């Protein structure tokens, strides 16, 4: 039978856990922070998010930001919180997992 399923999120791509897949129409583009736009600064933010069994995004933490103090972190978190995913699965069942998300900010 194996151990009971954990309530803790698992790691995507480890121990037979598939990665969640972003549902494209749910992908909200983050607002470009005004401070960064005026200063003509581009950057990227690496986030770790919990993707729940229903595909919603839970807790989000900033792992890295190339340019801090210009608002990229908050803008990225705000956008990613609205995204939806096909959830990760393990043994054919949906599971909550930790998932790394990269958000790029580029001026047009």
Protein backbone atom coordinates (compact mmCIF):
# COMPACT_ATOMS: atom_id res chain seq x y z
CA UNK A 1 0.00 0.00 0.00
CA UNK A 2 2.75 2.50 0.82
CA UNK A 3 2.64 5.50 3.11
CA UNK A 4 -0.51 7.61 3.38
CA UNK A 5 -0.63 10.59 1.03
CA UNK A 6 0.97 13.62 2.57
CA UNK A 7 -0.95 16.86 3.01
CA UNK A 8 2.32 18.73 2.47
CA UNK A 9 3.07 19.89 -1.06
CA UNK A 10 5.52 17.64 -2.90
CA UNK A 11 8.24 18.66 -5.36
CA UNK A 12 7.26 18.71 -9.03
CA UNK A 13 9.42 16.44 -11.15
CA UNK A 14 10.54 14.27 -8.19
CA UNK A 15 9.36 10.78 -7.15
CA UNK A 16 6.99 10.34 -10.06
CA UNK A 17 5.28 13.72 -9.60
CA UNK A 18 4.39 15.41 -12.88
CA UNK A 19 4.80 19.15 -13.25
CA UNK A 20 1.70 21.35 -13.24
CA UNK A 21 0.85 22.87 -16.63
CA UNK A 22 -0.17 26.50 -16.93
CA UNK A 23 -3.60 27.05 -18.46
CA UNK A 24 -2.67 29.69 -21.08
CA UNK A 25 -5.89 31.71 -20.91
CA UNK A 26 -5.39 32.18 -17.14
CA UNK A 27 -1.96 33.80 -17.57
CA UNK A 28 -2.32 37.40 -16.45
CA UNK A 29 0.56 39.63 -17.55
CA UNK A 30 2.04 41.43 -14.54
CA UNK A 31 1.73 45.20 -14.40
CA UNK A 32 5.07 46.82 -15.16
CA UNK A 33 6.05 48.74 -12.01
CA UNK A 34 5.97 52.49 -12.69
CA UNK A 35 9.31 53.07 -10.94
CA UNK A 36 10.98 50.46 -13.19
CA UNK A 37 9.27 51.83 -16.33
CA UNK A 38 10.38 55.41 -15.65
CA UNK A 39 13.94 54.27 -14.87
CA UNK A 40 13.90 51.98 -17.97
CA UNK A 41 14.85 48.96 -15.84
CA UNK A 42 14.21 45.38 -16.96
CA UNK A 43 14.53 42.30 -14.80
CA UNK A 44 13.18 38.95 -13.80
CA UNK A 45 11.77 37.33 -10.69
CA UNK A 46 12.01 33.66 -9.72
CA UNK A 47 9.13 32.56 -7.53
CA UNK A 48 8.34 29.35 -5.72
CA UNK A 49 4.60 28.77 -5.63
CA UNK A 50 2.43 26.05 -4.17
CA UNK A 51 0.06 24.75 -6.85
CA UNK A 52 -2.94 23.19 -5.11
CA UNK A 53 -4.71 19.99 -6.18
CA UNK A 54 -7.42 22.10 -7.86
CA UNK A 55 -4.85 24.04 -9.92
CA UNK A 56 -5.10 27.27 -7.94
CA UNK A 57 -1.96 29.02 -6.72
CA UNK A 58 -1.31 29.15 -2.99
CA UNK A 59 1.64 30.46 -1.04
CA UNK A 60 4.22 32.30 -3.15
CA UNK A 61 7.79 33.12 -2.12
CA UNK A 62 10.42 35.14 -3.98
CA UNK A 63 13.53 33.04 -4.55
CA UNK A 64 15.46 35.60 -6.59
CA UNK A 65 14.99 38.98 -8.23
CA UNK A 66 17.52 40.51 -10.60
CA UNK A 67 16.56 44.10 -9.71
CA UNK A 68 15.01 44.60 -6.29
CA UNK A 69 13.39 47.73 -4.87
CA UNK A 70 11.61 48.71 -8.10
CA UNK A 71 8.42 46.68 -7.58
CA UNK A 72 9.07 43.58 -9.70
CA UNK A 73 8.55 41.17 -6.78
CA UNK A 74 5.09 42.45 -5.84
CA UNK A 75 3.93 42.72 -9.46
CA UNK A 76 5.06 39.15 -10.18
CA UNK A 77 3.35 37.74 -7.07
CA UNK A 78 0.12 39.61 -7.83
CA UNK A 79 -0.04 38.22 -11.39
CA UNK A 80 1.01 34.63 -10.61
CA UNK A 81 -1.56 34.41 -7.79
CA UNK A 82 -4.26 34.70 -10.49
CA UNK A 83 -2.83 32.01 -12.78
CA UNK A 84 -4.42 28.55 -12.95
CA UNK A 85 -2.78 25.21 -13.68
CA UNK A 86 -3.60 21.66 -14.64
CA UNK A 87 -2.42 20.25 -11.29
CA UNK A 88 0.58 18.00 -10.81
CA UNK A 89 -0.19 14.34 -10.35
CA UNK A 90 1.39 11.36 -8.64
CA UNK A 91 0.14 7.83 -9.32
CA UNK A 92 -2.66 9.33 -11.42
CA UNK A 93 -4.03 11.50 -8.59
CA UNK A 94 -3.75 15.30 -8.37
CA UNK A 95 -1.32 16.50 -5.71
CA UNK A 96 -0.29 19.87 -4.32
CA UNK A 97 3.28 20.70 -5.26
CA UNK A 98 5.99 23.31 -5.07
CA UNK A 99 6.65 24.81 -8.48
CA UNK A 100 9.22 27.36 -9.65
CA UNK A 101 7.91 30.17 -11.85
CA UNK A 102 10.02 32.69 -13.78
CA UNK A 103 8.46 36.08 -14.52
CA UNK A 104 10.33 38.36 -16.93
CA UNK A 105 9.85 42.11 -17.10
CA UNK A 106 10.90 43.58 -20.44
CA UNK A 107 10.17 47.02 -21.80
CA UNK A 108 8.52 47.06 -25.22
